[in-house]
């Protein structure tokens, strides 16, 4: 099961008694702030850390034809949950 932004907004609107429009605005702004601060380490206390890592360029290979090609370097977002979140999950 996947959770969409709309699902998150609905859950927030029920728990905080906000309108769905306001809660969707809140969720969208959270994701926008993650993207705006992509050069920084983002730590949310008692939840976890969002870290942008740069992957180096590398040589890839088509397994069928064994033809090599270059894969460009890129940034990827990783999440490290806090110990409290890990305990709640397990």
PDB file of N, CA and C in Angstrom:
ATOM      1  N   UNK A   1       0.845  -1.176   0.000  1.00  0.00           N
ATOM      2  CA  UNK A   1       0.000   0.000   0.000  1.00  0.00           C
ATOM      3  C   UNK A   1       0.889   1.237   0.000  1.00  0.00           C
ATOM      4  N   UNK A   2       0.580   2.162  -0.842  1.00  0.00           N
ATOM      5  CA  UNK A   2       1.329   3.408  -0.884  1.00  0.00           C
ATOM      6  C   UNK A   2       0.476   4.528  -0.289  1.00  0.00           C
ATOM      7  N   UNK A   3       1.148   5.530   0.231  1.00  0.00           N
ATOM      8  CA  UNK A   3       0.476   6.688   0.824  1.00  0.00           C
ATOM      9  C   UNK A   3       0.772   7.895  -0.060  1.00  0.00           C
ATOM     10  N   UNK A   4      -0.260   8.583  -0.463  1.00  0.00           N
ATOM     11  CA  UNK A   4      -0.107   9.753  -1.318  1.00  0.00           C
ATOM     12  C   UNK A   4      -0.152  11.030  -0.480  1.00  0.00           C
ATOM     13  N   UNK A   5       0.180  12.146  -1.121  1.00  0.00           N
ATOM     14  CA  UNK A   5       0.090  13.434  -0.438  1.00  0.00           C
ATOM     15  C   UNK A   5      -1.342  13.695   0.021  1.00  0.00           C
ATOM     16  N   UNK A   6      -2.282  13.268  -0.786  1.00  0.00           N
ATOM     17  CA  UNK A   6      -3.684  13.468  -0.439  1.00  0.00           C
ATOM     18  C   UNK A   6      -4.055  12.670   0.812  1.00  0.00           C
ATOM     19  N   UNK A   7      -3.522  11.439   0.928  1.00  0.00           N
ATOM     20  CA  UNK A   7      -3.765  10.624   2.121  1.00  0.00           C
ATOM     21  C   UNK A   7      -3.173  11.290   3.361  1.00  0.00           C
ATOM     22  N   UNK A   8      -1.938  11.801   3.224  1.00  0.00           N
ATOM     23  CA  UNK A   8      -1.314  12.505   4.342  1.00  0.00           C
ATOM     24  C   UNK A   8      -2.141  13.720   4.750  1.00  0.00           C
ATOM     25  N   UNK A   9      -2.601  14.461   3.766  1.00  0.00           N
ATOM     26  CA  UNK A   9      -3.400  15.657   4.044  1.00  0.00           C
ATOM     27  C   UNK A   9      -4.709  15.294   4.728  1.00  0.00           C
ATOM     28  N   UNK A  10      -5.340  14.205   4.306  1.00  0.00           N
ATOM     29  CA  UNK A  10      -6.585  13.771   4.942  1.00  0.00           C
ATOM     30  C   UNK A  10      -6.354  13.386   6.396  1.00  0.00           C
ATOM     31  N   UNK A  11      -5.261  12.671   6.668  1.00  0.00           N
ATOM     32  CA  UNK A  11      -4.953  12.285   8.050  1.00  0.00           C
ATOM     33  C   UNK A  11      -4.688  13.512   8.916  1.00  0.00           C
ATOM     34  N   UNK A  12      -3.950  14.482   8.384  1.00  0.00           N
ATOM     35  CA  UNK A  12      -3.671  15.706   9.128  1.00  0.00           C
ATOM     36  C   UNK A  12      -4.959  16.483   9.377  1.00  0.00           C
ATOM     37  N   UNK A  13      -5.811  16.549   8.376  1.00  0.00           N
ATOM     38  CA  UNK A  13      -7.044  17.308   8.523  1.00  0.00           C
ATOM     39  C   UNK A  13      -7.949  16.682   9.585  1.00  0.00           C
ATOM     40  N   UNK A  14      -7.967  15.353   9.683  1.00  0.00           N
ATOM     41  CA  UNK A  14      -8.787  14.687  10.702  1.00  0.00           C
ATOM     42  C   UNK A  14      -8.225  14.912  12.099  1.00  0.00           C
ATOM     43  N   UNK A  15      -6.914  14.770  12.244  1.00  0.00           N
ATOM     44  CA  UNK A  15      -6.303  14.865  13.578  1.00  0.00           C
ATOM     45  C   UNK A  15      -6.236  16.294  14.093  1.00  0.00           C
ATOM     46  N   UNK A  16      -5.976  17.253  13.208  1.00  0.00           N
ATOM     47  CA  UNK A  16      -5.835  18.643  13.645  1.00  0.00           C
ATOM     48  C   UNK A  16      -7.092  19.472  13.403  1.00  0.00           C
ATOM     49  N   UNK A  17      -8.097  18.847  12.817  1.00  0.00           N
ATOM     50  CA  UNK A  17      -9.359  19.522  12.505  1.00  0.00           C
ATOM     51  C   UNK A  17      -9.152  20.758  11.635  1.00  0.00           C
ATOM     52  N   UNK A  18      -8.309  20.569  10.623  1.00  0.00           N
ATOM     53  CA  UNK A  18      -8.092  21.603   9.618  1.00  0.00           C
ATOM     54  C   UNK A  18      -8.888  21.259   8.377  1.00  0.00           C
ATOM     55  N   UNK A  19      -9.052  22.230   7.508  1.00  0.00           N
ATOM     56  CA  UNK A  19      -9.696  21.917   6.234  1.00  0.00           C
ATOM     57  C   UNK A  19      -8.726  21.092   5.398  1.00  0.00           C
ATOM     58  N   UNK A  20      -9.252  20.332   4.470  1.00  0.00           N
ATOM     59  CA  UNK A  20      -8.402  19.510   3.611  1.00  0.00           C
ATOM     60  C   UNK A  20      -7.489  20.382   2.754  1.00  0.00           C
ATOM     61  N   UNK A  21      -7.976  21.537   2.371  1.00  0.00           N
ATOM     62  CA  UNK A  21      -7.183  22.456   1.566  1.00  0.00           C
ATOM     63  C   UNK A  21      -5.979  22.956   2.366  1.00  0.00           C
ATOM     64  N   UNK A  22      -6.200  23.317   3.634  1.00  0.00           N
ATOM     65  CA  UNK A  22      -5.099  23.794   4.481  1.00  0.00           C
ATOM     66  C   UNK A  22      -4.094  22.693   4.777  1.00  0.00           C
ATOM     67  N   UNK A  23      -4.591  21.493   5.032  1.00  0.00           N
ATOM     68  CA  UNK A  23      -3.671  20.395   5.334  1.00  0.00           C
ATOM     69  C   UNK A  23      -2.866  19.987   4.096  1.00  0.00           C
ATOM     70  N   UNK A  24      -3.463  20.037   2.919  1.00  0.00           N
ATOM     71  CA  UNK A  24      -2.725  19.755   1.689  1.00  0.00           C
ATOM     72  C   UNK A  24      -1.666  20.837   1.450  1.00  0.00           C
ATOM     73  N   UNK A  25      -2.001  22.087   1.766  1.00  0.00           N
ATOM     74  CA  UNK A  25      -1.048  23.187   1.669  1.00  0.00           C
ATOM     75  C   UNK A  25       0.130  22.944   2.613  1.00  0.00           C
ATOM     76  N   UNK A  26      -0.136  22.458   3.811  1.00  0.00           N
ATOM     77  CA  UNK A  26       0.903  22.157   4.792  1.00  0.00           C
ATOM     78  C   UNK A  26       1.831  21.048   4.296  1.00  0.00           C
ATOM     79  N   UNK A  27       1.267  19.985   3.757  1.00  0.00           N
ATOM     80  CA  UNK A  27       2.062  18.866   3.237  1.00  0.00           C
ATOM     81  C   UNK A  27       2.912  19.318   2.057  1.00  0.00           C
ATOM     82  N   UNK A  28       2.327  20.063   1.151  1.00  0.00           N
ATOM     83  CA  UNK A  28       3.062  20.535  -0.025  1.00  0.00           C
ATOM     84  C   UNK A  28       4.210  21.453   0.377  1.00  0.00           C
ATOM     85  N   UNK A  29       3.978  22.322   1.343  1.00  0.00           N
ATOM     86  CA  UNK A  29       5.036  23.212   1.807  1.00  0.00           C
ATOM     87  C   UNK A  29       6.166  22.451   2.486  1.00  0.00           C
ATOM     88  N   UNK A  30       5.844  21.374   3.181  1.00  0.00           N
ATOM     89  CA  UNK A  30       6.885  20.548   3.791  1.00  0.00           C
ATOM     90  C   UNK A  30       7.791  19.964   2.712  1.00  0.00           C
ATOM     91  N   UNK A  31       7.208  19.402   1.672  1.00  0.00           N
ATOM     92  CA  UNK A  31       8.007  18.824   0.591  1.00  0.00           C
ATOM     93  C   UNK A  31       8.790  19.907  -0.155  1.00  0.00           C
ATOM     94  N   UNK A  32       8.183  21.070  -0.345  1.00  0.00           N
ATOM     95  CA  UNK A  32       8.888  22.175  -1.003  1.00  0.00           C
ATOM     96  C   UNK A  32      10.096  22.625  -0.182  1.00  0.00           C
ATOM     97  N   UNK A  33       9.946  22.663   1.142  1.00  0.00           N
ATOM     98  CA  UNK A  33      11.068  23.092   1.981  1.00  0.00           C
ATOM     99  C   UNK A  33      12.191  22.066   1.960  1.00  0.00           C
ATOM    100  N   UNK A  34      11.871  20.777   1.813  1.00  0.00           N
ATOM    101  CA  UNK A  34      12.910  19.761   1.649  1.00  0.00           C
ATOM    102  C   UNK A  34      13.707  20.017   0.381  1.00  0.00           C
ATOM    103  N   UNK A  35      13.010  20.323  -0.699  1.00  0.00           N
ATOM    104  CA  UNK A  35      13.670  20.550  -1.981  1.00  0.00           C
ATOM    105  C   UNK A  35      14.495  21.840  -1.943  1.00  0.00           C
ATOM    106  N   UNK A  36      13.971  22.885  -1.312  1.00  0.00           N
ATOM    107  CA  UNK A  36      14.693  24.157  -1.240  1.00  0.00           C
ATOM    108  C   UNK A  36      15.990  24.040  -0.440  1.00  0.00           C
ATOM    109  N   UNK A  37      16.009  23.174   0.555  1.00  0.00           N
ATOM    110  CA  UNK A  37      17.173  23.016   1.425  1.00  0.00           C
ATOM    111  C   UNK A  37      17.982  21.782   1.078  1.00  0.00           C
ATOM    112  N   UNK A  38      18.070  21.470  -0.198  1.00  0.00           N
ATOM    113  CA  UNK A  38      18.721  20.234  -0.616  1.00  0.00           C
ATOM    114  C   UNK A  38      20.224  20.219  -0.391  1.00  0.00           C
ATOM    115  N   UNK A  39      20.818  21.358  -0.105  1.00  0.00           N
ATOM    116  CA  UNK A  39      22.253  21.383   0.174  1.00  0.00           C
ATOM    117  C   UNK A  39      22.540  21.293   1.664  1.00  0.00           C
ATOM    118  N   UNK A  40      21.511  21.087   2.463  1.00  0.00           N
ATOM    119  CA  UNK A  40      21.663  21.046   3.907  1.00  0.00           C
ATOM    120  C   UNK A  40      21.212  19.699   4.458  1.00  0.00           C
ATOM    121  N   UNK A  41      21.688  19.403   5.648  1.00  0.00           N
ATOM    122  CA  UNK A  41      21.276  18.215   6.393  1.00  0.00           C
ATOM    123  C   UNK A  41      20.033  18.609   7.187  1.00  0.00           C
ATOM    124  N   UNK A  42      18.898  17.965   6.945  1.00  0.00           N
ATOM    125  CA  UNK A  42      17.643  18.332   7.595  1.00  0.00           C
ATOM    126  C   UNK A  42      17.344  17.304   8.670  1.00  0.00           C
ATOM    127  N   UNK A  43      17.282  17.756   9.911  1.00  0.00           N
ATOM    128  CA  UNK A  43      17.051  16.866  11.048  1.00  0.00           C
ATOM    129  C   UNK A  43      15.746  17.252  11.728  1.00  0.00           C
ATOM    130  N   UNK A  44      14.825  16.296  11.846  1.00  0.00           N
ATOM    131  CA  UNK A  44      13.570  16.506  12.566  1.00  0.00           C
ATOM    132  C   UNK A  44      13.655  15.712  13.857  1.00  0.00           C
ATOM    133  N   UNK A  45      13.672  16.395  14.980  1.00  0.00           N
ATOM    134  CA  UNK A  45      13.837  15.739  16.275  1.00  0.00           C
ATOM    135  C   UNK A  45      12.777  14.664  16.481  1.00  0.00           C
ATOM    136  N   UNK A  46      13.200  13.540  17.025  1.00  0.00           N
ATOM    137  CA  UNK A  46      12.347  12.385  17.328  1.00  0.00           C
ATOM    138  C   UNK A  46      11.684  11.784  16.093  1.00  0.00           C
ATOM    139  N   UNK A  47      12.156  12.138  14.912  1.00  0.00           N
ATOM    140  CA  UNK A  47      11.616  11.541  13.687  1.00  0.00           C
ATOM    141  C   UNK A  47      12.722  10.975  12.826  1.00  0.00           C
ATOM    142  N   UNK A  48      13.681  11.805  12.424  1.00  0.00           N
ATOM    143  CA  UNK A  48      14.778  11.315  11.604  1.00  0.00           C
ATOM    144  C   UNK A  48      15.459  12.428  10.844  1.00  0.00           C
ATOM    145  N   UNK A  49      16.363  12.044   9.961  1.00  0.00           N
ATOM    146  CA  UNK A  49      17.141  12.994   9.185  1.00  0.00           C
ATOM    147  C   UNK A  49      16.983  12.740   7.699  1.00  0.00           C
ATOM    148  N   UNK A  50      16.857  13.823   6.944  1.00  0.00           N
ATOM    149  CA  UNK A  50      16.856  13.764   5.494  1.00  0.00           C
ATOM    150  C   UNK A  50      18.216  14.250   5.035  1.00  0.00           C
ATOM    151  N   UNK A  51      18.906  13.432   4.245  1.00  0.00           N
ATOM    152  CA  UNK A  51      20.254  13.747   3.808  1.00  0.00           C
ATOM    153  C   UNK A  51      20.309  13.626   2.287  1.00  0.00           C
ATOM    154  N   UNK A  52      20.817  14.671   1.641  1.00  0.00           N
ATOM    155  CA  UNK A  52      21.037  14.604   0.208  1.00  0.00           C
ATOM    156  C   UNK A  52      22.463  14.131  -0.025  1.00  0.00           C
ATOM    157  N   UNK A  53      22.615  13.070  -0.804  1.00  0.00           N
ATOM    158  CA  UNK A  53      23.927  12.528  -1.117  1.00  0.00           C
ATOM    159  C   UNK A  53      24.150  12.612  -2.613  1.00  0.00           C
ATOM    160  N   UNK A  54      25.387  12.912  -2.994  1.00  0.00           N
ATOM    161  CA  UNK A  54      25.726  12.973  -4.413  1.00  0.00           C
ATOM    162  C   UNK A  54      26.365  11.646  -4.803  1.00  0.00           C
ATOM    163  N   UNK A  55      25.783  10.975  -5.783  1.00  0.00           N
ATOM    164  CA  UNK A  55      26.360   9.732  -6.276  1.00  0.00           C
ATOM    165  C   UNK A  55      27.301  10.064  -7.427  1.00  0.00           C
ATOM    166  N   UNK A  56      28.455   9.438  -7.459  1.00  0.00           N
ATOM    167  CA  UNK A  56      29.415   9.741  -8.536  1.00  0.00           C
ATOM    168  C   UNK A  56      28.955   9.135  -9.862  1.00  0.00           C
ATOM    169  N   UNK A  57      29.483   9.664 -10.960  1.00  0.00           N
ATOM    170  CA  UNK A  57      29.182   9.062 -12.260  1.00  0.00           C
ATOM    171  C   UNK A  57      29.894   7.711 -12.331  1.00  0.00           C
ATOM    172  N   UNK A  58      29.310   6.802 -13.092  1.00  0.00           N
ATOM    173  CA  UNK A  58      29.886   5.462 -13.175  1.00  0.00           C
ATOM    174  C   UNK A  58      29.537   4.832 -14.513  1.00  0.00           C
ATOM    175  N   UNK A  59      30.178   3.725 -14.782  1.00  0.00           N
ATOM    176  CA  UNK A  59      29.931   2.992 -16.020  1.00  0.00           C
ATOM    177  C   UNK A  59      28.862   1.931 -15.752  1.00  0.00           C
ATOM    178  N   UNK A  60      27.807   1.949 -16.580  1.00  0.00           N
ATOM    179  CA  UNK A  60      26.755   0.946 -16.491  1.00  0.00           C
ATOM    180  C   UNK A  60      26.878  -0.016 -17.652  1.00  0.00           C
ATOM    181  N   UNK A  61      26.202  -1.136 -17.546  1.00  0.00           N
ATOM    182  CA  UNK A  61      26.286  -2.148 -18.581  1.00  0.00           C
ATOM    183  C   UNK A  61      24.905  -2.737 -18.834  1.00  0.00           C
ATOM    184  N   UNK A  62      24.531  -2.833 -20.106  1.00  0.00           N
ATOM    185  CA  UNK A  62      23.304  -3.511 -20.475  1.00  0.00           C
ATOM    186  C   UNK A  62      23.552  -5.011 -20.317  1.00  0.00           C
ATOM    187  N   UNK A  63      22.814  -5.692 -19.438  1.00  0.00           N
ATOM    188  CA  UNK A  63      23.089  -7.109 -19.200  1.00  0.00           C
ATOM    189  C   UNK A  63      22.833  -8.010 -20.410  1.00  0.00           C
ATOM    190  N   UNK A  64      21.973  -7.569 -21.295  1.00  0.00           N
ATOM    191  CA  UNK A  64      21.649  -8.394 -22.455  1.00  0.00           C
ATOM    192  C   UNK A  64      22.727  -8.298 -23.532  1.00  0.00           C
ATOM    193  N   UNK A  65      23.154  -7.065 -23.845  1.00  0.00           N
ATOM    194  CA  UNK A  65      24.122  -6.863 -24.932  1.00  0.00           C
ATOM    195  C   UNK A  65      25.542  -6.609 -24.424  1.00  0.00           C
ATOM    196  N   UNK A  66      25.694  -6.406 -23.115  1.00  0.00           N
ATOM    197  CA  UNK A  66      26.975  -6.076 -22.481  1.00  0.00           C
ATOM    198  C   UNK A  66      27.569  -4.759 -22.988  1.00  0.00           C
ATOM    199  N   UNK A  67      26.733  -3.932 -23.594  1.00  0.00           N
ATOM    200  CA  UNK A  67      27.188  -2.631 -24.067  1.00  0.00           C
ATOM    201  C   UNK A  67      27.318  -1.698 -22.871  1.00  0.00           C
ATOM    202  N   UNK A  68      28.452  -0.980 -22.798  1.00  0.00           N
ATOM    203  CA  UNK A  68      28.700  -0.068 -21.689  1.00  0.00           C
ATOM    204  C   UNK A  68      28.188   1.332 -22.012  1.00  0.00           C
ATOM    205  N   UNK A  69      27.756   2.056 -20.973  1.00  0.00           N
ATOM    206  CA  UNK A  69      27.332   3.431 -21.120  1.00  0.00           C
ATOM    207  C   UNK A  69      27.616   4.154 -19.813  1.00  0.00           C
ATOM    208  N   UNK A  70      27.700   5.480 -19.888  1.00  0.00           N
ATOM    209  CA  UNK A  70      28.020   6.280 -18.709  1.00  0.00           C
ATOM    210  C   UNK A  70      26.728   6.702 -18.005  1.00  0.00           C
ATOM    211  N   UNK A  71      26.684   6.501 -16.705  1.00  0.00           N
ATOM    212  CA  UNK A  71      25.572   6.961 -15.878  1.00  0.00           C
ATOM    213  C   UNK A  71      26.031   8.247 -15.207  1.00  0.00           C
ATOM    214  N   UNK A  72      25.277   9.331 -15.392  1.00  0.00           N
ATOM    215  CA  UNK A  72      25.646  10.637 -14.852  1.00  0.00           C
ATOM    216  C   UNK A  72      25.571  10.636 -13.322  1.00  0.00           C
ATOM    217  N   UNK A  73      26.353  11.530 -12.708  1.00  0.00           N
ATOM    218  CA  UNK A  73      26.244  11.695 -11.259  1.00  0.00           C
ATOM    219  C   UNK A  73      24.932  12.408 -10.958  1.00  0.00           C
ATOM    220  N   UNK A  74      24.395  12.156  -9.784  1.00  0.00           N
ATOM    221  CA  UNK A  74      23.122  12.752  -9.410  1.00  0.00           C
ATOM    222  C   UNK A  74      23.027  12.862  -7.904  1.00  0.00           C
ATOM    223  N   UNK A  75      22.049  13.623  -7.448  1.00  0.00           N
ATOM    224  CA  UNK A  75      21.794  13.719  -6.024  1.00  0.00           C
ATOM    225  C   UNK A  75      20.615  12.829  -5.687  1.00  0.00           C
ATOM    226  N   UNK A  76      20.711  12.160  -4.542  1.00  0.00           N
ATOM    227  CA  UNK A  76      19.577  11.363  -4.108  1.00  0.00           C
ATOM    228  C   UNK A  76      19.278  11.691  -2.654  1.00  0.00           C
ATOM    229  N   UNK A  77      18.031  11.551  -2.282  1.00  0.00           N
ATOM    230  CA  UNK A  77      17.579  11.846  -0.936  1.00  0.00           C
ATOM    231  C   UNK A  77      17.518  10.556  -0.140  1.00  0.00           C
ATOM    232  N   UNK A  78      18.153  10.542   1.018  1.00  0.00           N
ATOM    233  CA  UNK A  78      18.080   9.387   1.904  1.00  0.00           C
ATOM    234  C   UNK A  78      17.462   9.820   3.216  1.00  0.00           C
ATOM    235  N   UNK A  79      16.842   8.881   3.892  1.00  0.00           N
ATOM    236  CA  UNK A  79      16.203   9.149   5.178  1.00  0.00           C
ATOM    237  C   UNK A  79      16.746   8.181   6.201  1.00  0.00           C
ATOM    238  N   UNK A  80      17.182   8.710   7.337  1.00  0.00           N
ATOM    239  CA  UNK A  80      17.630   7.883   8.457  1.00  0.00           C
ATOM    240  C   UNK A  80      16.663   8.117   9.609  1.00  0.00           C
ATOM    241  N   UNK A  81      15.872   7.106   9.956  1.00  0.00           N
ATOM    242  CA  UNK A  81      14.920   7.290  11.058  1.00  0.00           C
ATOM    243  C   UNK A  81      15.632   7.386  12.397  1.00  0.00           C
ATOM    244  N   UNK A  82      15.011   8.096  13.339  1.00  0.00           N
ATOM    245  CA  UNK A  82      15.574   8.207  14.680  1.00  0.00           C
ATOM    246  C   UNK A  82      15.364   6.887  15.418  1.00  0.00           C
ATOM    247  N   UNK A  83      16.052   6.735  16.535  1.00  0.00           N
ATOM    248  CA  UNK A  83      15.907   5.506  17.330  1.00  0.00           C
ATOM    249  C   UNK A  83      14.480   5.341  17.825  1.00  0.00           C
ATOM    250  N   UNK A  84      13.827   6.454  18.143  1.00  0.00           N
ATOM    251  CA  UNK A  84      12.435   6.401  18.622  1.00  0.00           C
ATOM    252  C   UNK A  84      11.506   5.854  17.540  1.00  0.00           C
ATOM    253  N   UNK A  85      11.697   6.292  16.308  1.00  0.00           N
ATOM    254  CA  UNK A  85      10.867   5.796  15.198  1.00  0.00           C
ATOM    255  C   UNK A  85      11.151   4.307  14.967  1.00  0.00           C
ATOM    256  N   UNK A  86      12.415   3.925  15.031  1.00  0.00           N
ATOM    257  CA  UNK A  86      12.774   2.509  14.850  1.00  0.00           C
ATOM    258  C   UNK A  86      12.104   1.635  15.891  1.00  0.00           C
ATOM    259  N   UNK A  87      12.077   2.098  17.145  1.00  0.00           N
ATOM    260  CA  UNK A  87      11.443   1.327  18.216  1.00  0.00           C
ATOM    261  C   UNK A  87       9.942   1.219  17.993  1.00  0.00           C
ATOM    262  N   UNK A  88       9.306   2.274  17.524  1.00  0.00           N
ATOM    263  CA  UNK A  88       7.857   2.239  17.280  1.00  0.00           C
ATOM    264  C   UNK A  88       7.504   1.317  16.120  1.00  0.00           C
ATOM    265  N   UNK A  89       8.395   1.205  15.145  1.00  0.00           N
ATOM    266  CA  UNK A  89       8.127   0.340  13.995  1.00  0.00           C
ATOM    267  C   UNK A  89       8.301  -1.127  14.360  1.00  0.00           C
ATOM    268  N   UNK A  90       9.350  -1.405  15.121  1.00  0.00           N
ATOM    269  CA  UNK A  90       9.646  -2.809  15.470  1.00  0.00           C
ATOM    270  C   UNK A  90       8.939  -3.177  16.699  1.00  0.00           C
TER     271      UNK A  90
END
